[in-house]
Amino acid sequence: MVKTIRNALLFAAAVHVLYVIVQMIAGIILTMRYTPKIVDAYSSKQVLESQVSFGLTASPSGWLYALTFAGSAALYAFALQPLLRRWANRRKRP
């Protein structure tokens, strides 16, 4: 039981670390490929100065990360681990 919980937590941590790494790489690639178009920016200068937007940006709360962490740990414990055990048992049979 302790091994299952440990493996589930490690799986959930690995999923979240992989997600963060993929987001960082995507941000780096998008930043490297961005080329500003100065002519287009200058032509829309008047529009940009006359419009101001107020409000909030939506960002995920800490609860969302906790729920996805618990959900991925539960996915491993109740779905992936039994499948892996069946697969290992099948390989042991002659």
PDB file of N, CA and C in Angstrom:
ATOM      1  N   MET A   1       0.823  -1.198   0.000  1.00  0.00           N
ATOM      2  CA  MET A   1       0.000   0.000   0.000  1.00  0.00           C
ATOM      3  C   MET A   1       0.867   1.263   0.000  1.00  0.00           C
ATOM      4  N   VAL A   2       1.914   1.244   0.808  1.00  0.00           N
ATOM      5  CA  VAL A   2       2.795   2.411   0.873  1.00  0.00           C
ATOM      6  C   VAL A   2       3.522   2.598  -0.460  1.00  0.00           C
ATOM      7  N   LYS A   3       3.890   1.486  -1.073  1.00  0.00           N
ATOM      8  CA  LYS A   3       4.569   1.550  -2.365  1.00  0.00           C
ATOM      9  C   LYS A   3       3.640   2.123  -3.437  1.00  0.00           C
ATOM     10  N   THR A   4       2.376   1.751  -3.376  1.00  0.00           N
ATOM     11  CA  THR A   4       1.401   2.272  -4.337  1.00  0.00           C
ATOM     12  C   THR A   4       1.233   3.776  -4.175  1.00  0.00           C
ATOM     13  N   ILE A   5       1.125   4.228  -2.953  1.00  0.00           N
ATOM     14  CA  ILE A   5       0.960   5.669  -2.702  1.00  0.00           C
ATOM     15  C   ILE A   5       2.196   6.434  -3.149  1.00  0.00           C
ATOM     16  N   ARG A   6       3.367   5.887  -2.823  1.00  0.00           N
ATOM     17  CA  ARG A   6       4.613   6.544  -3.227  1.00  0.00           C
ATOM     18  C   ARG A   6       4.702   6.632  -4.744  1.00  0.00           C
ATOM     19  N   ASN A   7       4.419   5.538  -5.420  1.00  0.00           N
ATOM     20  CA  ASN A   7       4.479   5.540  -6.883  1.00  0.00           C
ATOM     21  C   ASN A   7       3.441   6.477  -7.494  1.00  0.00           C
ATOM     22  N   ALA A   8       2.257   6.537  -6.900  1.00  0.00           N
ATOM     23  CA  ALA A   8       1.220   7.440  -7.403  1.00  0.00           C
ATOM     24  C   ALA A   8       1.645   8.895  -7.242  1.00  0.00           C
ATOM     25  N   LEU A   9       2.246   9.237  -6.122  1.00  0.00           N
ATOM     26  CA  LEU A   9       2.705  10.610  -5.915  1.00  0.00           C
ATOM     27  C   LEU A   9       3.862  10.952  -6.860  1.00  0.00           C
ATOM     28  N   LEU A  10       4.747  10.005  -7.078  1.00  0.00           N
ATOM     29  CA  LEU A  10       5.837  10.239  -8.022  1.00  0.00           C
ATOM     30  C   LEU A  10       5.308  10.411  -9.444  1.00  0.00           C
ATOM     31  N   PHE A  11       4.313   9.615  -9.815  1.00  0.00           N
ATOM     32  CA  PHE A  11       3.704   9.748 -11.138  1.00  0.00           C
ATOM     33  C   PHE A  11       3.053  11.121 -11.297  1.00  0.00           C
ATOM     34  N   ALA A  12       2.315  11.550 -10.277  1.00  0.00           N
ATOM     35  CA  ALA A  12       1.653  12.853 -10.347  1.00  0.00           C
ATOM     36  C   ALA A  12       2.678  13.980 -10.429  1.00  0.00           C
ATOM     37  N   ALA A  13       3.748  13.874  -9.672  1.00  0.00           N
ATOM     38  CA  ALA A  13       4.790  14.899  -9.724  1.00  0.00           C
ATOM     39  C   ALA A  13       5.456  14.914 -11.097  1.00  0.00           C
ATOM     40  N   ALA A  14       5.697  13.745 -11.655  1.00  0.00           N
ATOM     41  CA  ALA A  14       6.323  13.676 -12.976  1.00  0.00           C
ATOM     42  C   ALA A  14       5.423  14.291 -14.040  1.00  0.00           C
ATOM     43  N   VAL A  15       4.133  14.048 -13.958  1.00  0.00           N
ATOM     44  CA  VAL A  15       3.189  14.626 -14.925  1.00  0.00           C
ATOM     45  C   VAL A  15       3.213  16.154 -14.838  1.00  0.00           C
ATOM     46  N   HIS A  16       3.221  16.688 -13.626  1.00  0.00           N
ATOM     47  CA  HIS A  16       3.207  18.136 -13.467  1.00  0.00           C
ATOM     48  C   HIS A  16       4.540  18.764 -13.873  1.00  0.00           C
ATOM     49  N   VAL A  17       5.637  18.115 -13.576  1.00  0.00           N
ATOM     50  CA  VAL A  17       6.940  18.635 -13.997  1.00  0.00           C
ATOM     51  C   VAL A  17       7.038  18.609 -15.519  1.00  0.00           C
ATOM     52  N   LEU A  18       6.565  17.551 -16.141  1.00  0.00           N
ATOM     53  CA  LEU A  18       6.569  17.464 -17.600  1.00  0.00           C
ATOM     54  C   LEU A  18       5.711  18.576 -18.205  1.00  0.00           C
ATOM     55  N   TYR A  19       4.574  18.864 -17.600  1.00  0.00           N
ATOM     56  CA  TYR A  19       3.703  19.937 -18.086  1.00  0.00           C
ATOM     57  C   TYR A  19       4.421  21.287 -18.031  1.00  0.00           C
ATOM     58  N   VAL A  20       5.098  21.556 -16.921  1.00  0.00           N
ATOM     59  CA  VAL A  20       5.816  22.830 -16.773  1.00  0.00           C
ATOM     60  C   VAL A  20       6.947  22.925 -17.792  1.00  0.00           C
ATOM     61  N   ILE A  21       7.669  21.836 -18.005  1.00  0.00           N
ATOM     62  CA  ILE A  21       8.766  21.848 -18.971  1.00  0.00           C
ATOM     63  C   ILE A  21       8.250  22.096 -20.383  1.00  0.00           C
ATOM     64  N   VAL A  22       7.152  21.447 -20.745  1.00  0.00           N
ATOM     65  CA  VAL A  22       6.572  21.650 -22.084  1.00  0.00           C
ATOM     66  C   VAL A  22       6.122  23.098 -22.260  1.00  0.00           C
ATOM     67  N   GLN A  23       5.526  23.689 -21.234  1.00  0.00           N
ATOM     68  CA  GLN A  23       5.101  25.087 -21.315  1.00  0.00           C
ATOM     69  C   GLN A  23       6.293  26.019 -21.465  1.00  0.00           C
ATOM     70  N   MET A  24       7.375  25.738 -20.745  1.00  0.00           N
ATOM     71  CA  MET A  24       8.573  26.569 -20.857  1.00  0.00           C
ATOM     72  C   MET A  24       9.189  26.473 -22.248  1.00  0.00           C
ATOM     73  N   ILE A  25       9.271  25.269 -22.783  1.00  0.00           N
ATOM     74  CA  ILE A  25       9.848  25.089 -24.115  1.00  0.00           C
ATOM     75  C   ILE A  25       8.980  25.776 -25.169  1.00  0.00           C
ATOM     76  N   ALA A  26       7.666  25.663 -25.031  1.00  0.00           N
ATOM     77  CA  ALA A  26       6.773  26.339 -25.980  1.00  0.00           C
ATOM     78  C   ALA A  26       6.951  27.852 -25.904  1.00  0.00           C
ATOM     79  N   GLY A  27       7.088  28.389 -24.705  1.00  0.00           N
ATOM     80  CA  GLY A  27       7.321  29.828 -24.556  1.00  0.00           C
ATOM     81  C   GLY A  27       8.635  30.274 -25.158  1.00  0.00           C
ATOM     82  N   ILE A  28       9.674  29.465 -24.979  1.00  0.00           N
ATOM     83  CA  ILE A  28      10.977  29.805 -25.555  1.00  0.00           C
ATOM     84  C   ILE A  28      10.906  29.785 -27.075  1.00  0.00           C
ATOM     85  N   ILE A  29      10.284  28.768 -27.630  1.00  0.00           N
ATOM     86  CA  ILE A  29      10.184  28.670 -29.098  1.00  0.00           C
ATOM     87  C   ILE A  29       9.357  29.819 -29.657  1.00  0.00           C
ATOM     88  N   LEU A  30       8.236  30.145 -29.014  1.00  0.00           N
ATOM     89  CA  LEU A  30       7.416  31.255 -29.510  1.00  0.00           C
ATOM     90  C   LEU A  30       8.158  32.583 -29.399  1.00  0.00           C
ATOM     91  N   THR A  31       8.941  32.762 -28.351  1.00  0.00           N
ATOM     92  CA  THR A  31       9.710  33.993 -28.193  1.00  0.00           C
ATOM     93  C   THR A  31      10.796  34.088 -29.252  1.00  0.00           C
ATOM     94  N   MET A  32      11.445  32.975 -29.548  1.00  0.00           N
ATOM     95  CA  MET A  32      12.506  32.992 -30.558  1.00  0.00           C
ATOM     96  C   MET A  32      11.958  33.248 -31.962  1.00  0.00           C
ATOM     97  N   ARG A  33      10.776  32.771 -32.244  1.00  0.00           N
ATOM     98  CA  ARG A  33      10.215  32.898 -33.590  1.00  0.00           C
ATOM     99  C   ARG A  33       9.446  34.200 -33.806  1.00  0.00           C
ATOM    100  N   TYR A  34       9.235  34.991 -32.742  1.00  0.00           N
ATOM    101  CA  TYR A  34       8.458  36.227 -32.859  1.00  0.00           C
ATOM    102  C   TYR A  34       9.287  37.294 -33.565  1.00  0.00           C
ATOM    103  N   THR A  35       8.704  37.881 -34.575  1.00  0.00           N
ATOM    104  CA  THR A  35       9.337  39.017 -35.248  1.00  0.00           C
ATOM    105  C   THR A  35       8.313  40.141 -35.314  1.00  0.00           C
ATOM    106  N   PRO A  36       8.594  41.229 -34.637  1.00  0.00           N
ATOM    107  CA  PRO A  36       7.637  42.340 -34.651  1.00  0.00           C
ATOM    108  C   PRO A  36       7.596  43.015 -36.021  1.00  0.00           C
ATOM    109  N   LYS A  37       6.422  43.453 -36.381  1.00  0.00           N
ATOM    110  CA  LYS A  37       6.242  44.162 -37.653  1.00  0.00           C
ATOM    111  C   LYS A  37       6.067  45.640 -37.335  1.00  0.00           C
ATOM    112  N   ILE A  38       7.135  46.385 -37.519  1.00  0.00           N
ATOM    113  CA  ILE A  38       7.159  47.782 -37.093  1.00  0.00           C
ATOM    114  C   ILE A  38       6.188  48.620 -37.913  1.00  0.00           C
ATOM    115  N   VAL A  39       6.084  48.357 -39.184  1.00  0.00           N
ATOM    116  CA  VAL A  39       5.200  49.150 -40.044  1.00  0.00           C
ATOM    117  C   VAL A  39       3.743  48.972 -39.614  1.00  0.00           C
ATOM    118  N   ASP A  40       3.338  47.746 -39.340  1.00  0.00           N
ATOM    119  CA  ASP A  40       1.964  47.501 -38.907  1.00  0.00           C
ATOM    120  C   ASP A  40       1.696  48.102 -37.535  1.00  0.00           C
ATOM    121  N   ALA A  41       2.670  48.081 -36.662  1.00  0.00           N
ATOM    122  CA  ALA A  41       2.498  48.660 -35.332  1.00  0.00           C
ATOM    123  C   ALA A  41       2.345  50.172 -35.423  1.00  0.00           C
ATOM    124  N   TYR A  42       3.078  50.802 -36.303  1.00  0.00           N
ATOM    125  CA  TYR A  42       2.990  52.254 -36.448  1.00  0.00           C
ATOM    126  C   TYR A  42       1.657  52.667 -37.036  1.00  0.00           C
ATOM    127  N   SER A  43       1.137  51.882 -37.974  1.00  0.00           N
ATOM    128  CA  SER A  43      -0.129  52.251 -38.598  1.00  0.00           C
ATOM    129  C   SER A  43      -1.302  52.098 -37.635  1.00  0.00           C
ATOM    130  N   SER A  44      -1.191  51.239 -36.641  1.00  0.00           N
ATOM    131  CA  SER A  44      -2.281  51.056 -35.683  1.00  0.00           C
ATOM    132  C   SER A  44      -2.035  51.822 -34.386  1.00  0.00           C
ATOM    133  N   LYS A  45      -1.127  52.774 -34.406  1.00  0.00           N
ATOM    134  CA  LYS A  45      -0.790  53.539 -33.201  1.00  0.00           C
ATOM    135  C   LYS A  45      -1.989  54.308 -32.670  1.00  0.00           C
ATOM    136  N   GLN A  46      -2.738  54.932 -33.542  1.00  0.00           N
ATOM    137  CA  GLN A  46      -3.887  55.721 -33.120  1.00  0.00           C
ATOM    138  C   GLN A  46      -4.932  54.848 -32.441  1.00  0.00           C
ATOM    139  N   VAL A  47      -5.163  53.658 -32.944  1.00  0.00           N
ATOM    140  CA  VAL A  47      -6.149  52.751 -32.360  1.00  0.00           C
ATOM    141  C   VAL A  47      -5.697  52.304 -30.972  1.00  0.00           C
ATOM    142  N   LEU A  48      -4.428  52.031 -30.842  1.00  0.00           N
ATOM    143  CA  LEU A  48      -3.922  51.564 -29.557  1.00  0.00           C
ATOM    144  C   LEU A  48      -3.990  52.646 -28.490  1.00  0.00           C
ATOM    145  N   GLU A  49      -3.751  53.907 -28.867  1.00  0.00           N
ATOM    146  CA  GLU A  49      -3.775  54.974 -27.877  1.00  0.00           C
ATOM    147  C   GLU A  49      -5.188  55.304 -27.415  1.00  0.00           C
ATOM    148  N   SER A  50      -6.177  55.114 -28.251  1.00  0.00           N
ATOM    149  CA  SER A  50      -7.529  55.515 -27.888  1.00  0.00           C
ATOM    150  C   SER A  50      -8.312  54.416 -27.168  1.00  0.00           C
ATOM    151  N   GLN A  51      -7.780  53.229 -27.086  1.00  0.00           N
ATOM    152  CA  GLN A  51      -8.502  52.133 -26.440  1.00  0.00           C
ATOM    153  C   GLN A  51      -7.730  51.657 -25.219  1.00  0.00           C
ATOM    154  N   VAL A  52      -8.449  51.632 -24.087  1.00  0.00           N
ATOM    155  CA  VAL A  52      -7.860  51.126 -22.849  1.00  0.00           C
ATOM    156  C   VAL A  52      -8.808  50.084 -22.285  1.00  0.00           C
ATOM    157  N   SER A  53      -8.265  48.948 -21.939  1.00  0.00           N
ATOM    158  CA  SER A  53      -9.120  47.898 -21.378  1.00  0.00           C
ATOM    159  C   SER A  53      -8.789  47.711 -19.906  1.00  0.00           C
ATOM    160  N   PHE A  54      -9.829  47.529 -19.130  1.00  0.00           N
ATOM    161  CA  PHE A  54      -9.685  47.285 -17.707  1.00  0.00           C
ATOM    162  C   PHE A  54     -10.245  45.906 -17.401  1.00  0.00           C
ATOM    163  N   GLY A  55      -9.716  45.291 -16.384  1.00  0.00           N
ATOM    164  CA  GLY A  55     -10.242  43.992 -16.004  1.00  0.00           C
ATOM    165  C   GLY A  55      -9.162  43.115 -15.408  1.00  0.00           C
ATOM    166  N   LEU A  56      -9.499  41.876 -15.292  1.00  0.00           N
ATOM    167  CA  LEU A  56      -8.592  40.897 -14.705  1.00  0.00           C
ATOM    168  C   LEU A  56      -8.263  39.824 -15.728  1.00  0.00           C
ATOM    169  N   THR A  57      -7.116  39.248 -15.575  1.00  0.00           N
ATOM    170  CA  THR A  57      -6.783  38.090 -16.389  1.00  0.00           C
ATOM    171  C   THR A  57      -7.048  36.841 -15.574  1.00  0.00           C
ATOM    172  N   ALA A  58      -7.501  35.834 -16.234  1.00  0.00           N
ATOM    173  CA  ALA A  58      -7.815  34.593 -15.533  1.00  0.00           C
ATOM    174  C   ALA A  58      -6.556  33.760 -15.400  1.00  0.00           C
ATOM    175  N   SER A  59      -6.275  33.323 -14.199  1.00  0.00           N
ATOM    176  CA  SER A  59      -5.164  32.408 -13.993  1.00  0.00           C
ATOM    177  C   SER A  59      -5.653  31.295 -13.075  1.00  0.00           C
ATOM    178  N   PRO A  60      -5.168  30.100 -13.292  1.00  0.00           N
ATOM    179  CA  PRO A  60      -5.626  28.974 -12.486  1.00  0.00           C
ATOM    180  C   PRO A  60      -5.261  29.164 -11.010  1.00  0.00           C
ATOM    181  N   SER A  61      -6.147  28.766 -10.154  1.00  0.00           N
ATOM    182  CA  SER A  61      -5.882  28.897  -8.729  1.00  0.00           C
ATOM    183  C   SER A  61      -5.060  27.718  -8.238  1.00  0.00           C
ATOM    184  N   GLY A  62      -4.602  27.812  -7.008  1.00  0.00           N
ATOM    185  CA  GLY A  62      -3.838  26.728  -6.414  1.00  0.00           C
ATOM    186  C   GLY A  62      -4.655  25.463  -6.249  1.00  0.00           C
ATOM    187  N   TRP A  63      -5.967  25.628  -6.089  1.00  0.00           N
ATOM    188  CA  TRP A  63      -6.835  24.453  -5.941  1.00  0.00           C
ATOM    189  C   TRP A  63      -6.844  23.604  -7.202  1.00  0.00           C
ATOM    190  N   LEU A  64      -6.756  24.263  -8.339  1.00  0.00           N
ATOM    191  CA  LEU A  64      -6.746  23.510  -9.591  1.00  0.00           C
ATOM    192  C   LEU A  64      -5.519  22.616  -9.671  1.00  0.00           C
ATOM    193  N   TYR A  65      -4.365  23.140  -9.269  1.00  0.00           N
ATOM    194  CA  TYR A  65      -3.155  22.332  -9.290  1.00  0.00           C
ATOM    195  C   TYR A  65      -3.246  21.183  -8.290  1.00  0.00           C
ATOM    196  N   ALA A  66      -3.820  21.450  -7.131  1.00  0.00           N
ATOM    197  CA  ALA A  66      -3.976  20.392  -6.129  1.00  0.00           C
ATOM    198  C   ALA A  66      -4.932  19.306  -6.636  1.00  0.00           C
ATOM    199  N   LEU A  67      -6.012  19.711  -7.282  1.00  0.00           N
ATOM    200  CA  LEU A  67      -6.975  18.741  -7.808  1.00  0.00           C
ATOM    201  C   LEU A  67      -6.381  17.910  -8.945  1.00  0.00           C
ATOM    202  N   THR A  68      -5.626  18.543  -9.834  1.00  0.00           N
ATOM    203  CA  THR A  68      -5.018  17.771 -10.909  1.00  0.00           C
ATOM    204  C   THR A  68      -3.930  16.843 -10.378  1.00  0.00           C
ATOM    205  N   PHE A  69      -3.228  17.270  -9.333  1.00  0.00           N
ATOM    206  CA  PHE A  69      -2.217  16.411  -8.722  1.00  0.00           C
ATOM    207  C   PHE A  69      -2.887  15.185  -8.096  1.00  0.00           C
ATOM    208  N   ALA A  70      -3.966  15.416  -7.332  1.00  0.00           N
ATOM    209  CA  ALA A  70      -4.685  14.301  -6.712  1.00  0.00           C
ATOM    210  C   ALA A  70      -5.331  13.417  -7.776  1.00  0.00           C
ATOM    211  N   GLY A  71      -5.849  14.025  -8.828  1.00  0.00           N
ATOM    212  CA  GLY A  71      -6.476  13.242  -9.891  1.00  0.00           C
ATOM    213  C   GLY A  71      -5.489  12.372 -10.645  1.00  0.00           C
ATOM    214  N   SER A  72      -4.311  12.901 -10.928  1.00  0.00           N
ATOM    215  CA  SER A  72      -3.329  12.082 -11.631  1.00  0.00           C
ATOM    216  C   SER A  72      -2.760  10.997 -10.717  1.00  0.00           C
ATOM    217  N   ALA A  73      -2.664  11.266  -9.416  1.00  0.00           N
ATOM    218  CA  ALA A  73      -2.236  10.222  -8.479  1.00  0.00           C
ATOM    219  C   ALA A  73      -3.288   9.121  -8.400  1.00  0.00           C
ATOM    220  N   ALA A  74      -4.559   9.497  -8.357  1.00  0.00           N
ATOM    221  CA  ALA A  74      -5.632   8.507  -8.322  1.00  0.00           C
ATOM    222  C   ALA A  74      -5.697   7.714  -9.626  1.00  0.00           C
ATOM    223  N   LEU A  75      -5.457   8.382 -10.747  1.00  0.00           N
ATOM    224  CA  LEU A  75      -5.425   7.689 -12.033  1.00  0.00           C
ATOM    225  C   LEU A  75      -4.362   6.601 -12.033  1.00  0.00           C
ATOM    226  N   TYR A  76      -3.196   6.929 -11.506  1.00  0.00           N
ATOM    227  CA  TYR A  76      -2.136   5.925 -11.443  1.00  0.00           C
ATOM    228  C   TYR A  76      -2.530   4.782 -10.509  1.00  0.00           C
ATOM    229  N   ALA A  77      -3.010   5.125  -9.316  1.00  0.00           N
ATOM    230  CA  ALA A  77      -3.276   4.100  -8.299  1.00  0.00           C
ATOM    231  C   ALA A  77      -4.405   3.159  -8.706  1.00  0.00           C
ATOM    232  N   PHE A  78      -5.445   3.693  -9.339  1.00  0.00           N
ATOM    233  CA  PHE A  78      -6.623   2.869  -9.605  1.00  0.00           C
ATOM    234  C   PHE A  78      -6.729   2.370 -11.046  1.00  0.00           C
ATOM    235  N   ALA A  79      -5.988   2.955 -11.966  1.00  0.00           N
ATOM    236  CA  ALA A  79      -6.108   2.528 -13.354  1.00  0.00           C
ATOM    237  C   ALA A  79      -4.795   2.005 -13.935  1.00  0.00           C
ATOM    238  N   LEU A  80      -3.740   2.783 -13.803  1.00  0.00           N
ATOM    239  CA  LEU A  80      -2.495   2.385 -14.450  1.00  0.00           C
ATOM    240  C   LEU A  80      -1.782   1.257 -13.724  1.00  0.00           C
ATOM    241  N   GLN A  81      -1.747   1.304 -12.411  1.00  0.00           N
ATOM    242  CA  GLN A  81      -1.032   0.255 -11.675  1.00  0.00           C
ATOM    243  C   GLN A  81      -1.649  -1.136 -11.877  1.00  0.00           C
ATOM    244  N   PRO A  82      -2.970  -1.292 -11.805  1.00  0.00           N
ATOM    245  CA  PRO A  82      -3.525  -2.622 -12.098  1.00  0.00           C
ATOM    246  C   PRO A  82      -3.209  -3.103 -13.519  1.00  0.00           C
ATOM    247  N   LEU A  83      -3.227  -2.192 -14.478  1.00  0.00           N
ATOM    248  CA  LEU A  83      -2.869  -2.581 -15.841  1.00  0.00           C
ATOM    249  C   LEU A  83      -1.408  -3.002 -15.940  1.00  0.00           C
ATOM    250  N   LEU A  84      -0.537  -2.288 -15.264  1.00  0.00           N
ATOM    251  CA  LEU A  84       0.883  -2.650 -15.280  1.00  0.00           C
ATOM    252  C   LEU A  84       1.118  -3.999 -14.605  1.00  0.00           C
ATOM    253  N   ARG A  85       0.378  -4.270 -13.535  1.00  0.00           N
ATOM    254  CA  ARG A  85       0.520  -5.564 -12.854  1.00  0.00           C
ATOM    255  C   ARG A  85       0.055  -6.706 -13.765  1.00  0.00           C
ATOM    256  N   ARG A  86      -1.065  -6.512 -14.461  1.00  0.00           N
ATOM    257  CA  ARG A  86      -1.537  -7.537 -15.390  1.00  0.00           C
ATOM    258  C   ARG A  86      -0.534  -7.787 -16.505  1.00  0.00           C
ATOM    259  N   TRP A  87       0.026  -6.713 -17.011  1.00  0.00           N
ATOM    260  CA  TRP A  87       1.004  -6.830 -18.078  1.00  0.00           C
ATOM    261  C   TRP A  87       2.251  -7.567 -17.594  1.00  0.00           C
ATOM    262  N   ALA A  88       2.692  -7.263 -16.367  1.00  0.00           N
ATOM    263  CA  ALA A  88       3.862  -7.951 -15.817  1.00  0.00           C
ATOM    264  C   ALA A  88       3.579  -9.415 -15.570  1.00  0.00           C
ATOM    265  N   ASN A  89       2.370  -9.756 -15.106  1.00  0.00           N
ATOM    266  CA  ASN A  89       2.006 -11.150 -14.882  1.00  0.00           C
ATOM    267  C   ASN A  89       1.941 -11.932 -16.191  1.00  0.00           C
ATOM    268  N   ARG A  90       1.477 -11.322 -17.239  1.00  0.00           N
ATOM    269  CA  ARG A  90       1.412 -11.980 -18.545  1.00  0.00           C
ATOM    270  C   ARG A  90       2.803 -12.262 -19.095  1.00  0.00           C
ATOM    271  N   ARG A  91       3.720 -11.374 -18.839  1.00  0.00           N
ATOM    272  CA  ARG A  91       5.085 -11.572 -19.331  1.00  0.00           C
ATOM    273  C   ARG A  91       5.806 -12.679 -18.574  1.00  0.00           C
ATOM    274  N   LYS A  92       5.420 -12.907 -17.304  1.00  0.00           N
ATOM    275  CA  LYS A  92       6.051 -13.953 -16.505  1.00  0.00           C
ATOM    276  C   LYS A  92       5.608 -15.346 -16.917  1.00  0.00           C
ATOM    277  N   ARG A  93       4.410 -15.459 -17.472  1.00  0.00           N
ATOM    278  CA  ARG A  93       3.879 -16.767 -17.870  1.00  0.00           C
ATOM    279  C   ARG A  93       4.653 -17.283 -19.089  1.00  0.00           C
ATOM    280  N   PRO A  94       4.912 -18.606 -19.114  1.00  0.00           N
ATOM    281  CA  PRO A  94       5.635 -19.165 -20.259  1.00  0.00           C
ATOM    282  C   PRO A  94       4.763 -19.335 -21.485  1.00  0.00           C
TER     283      PRO A  94
END
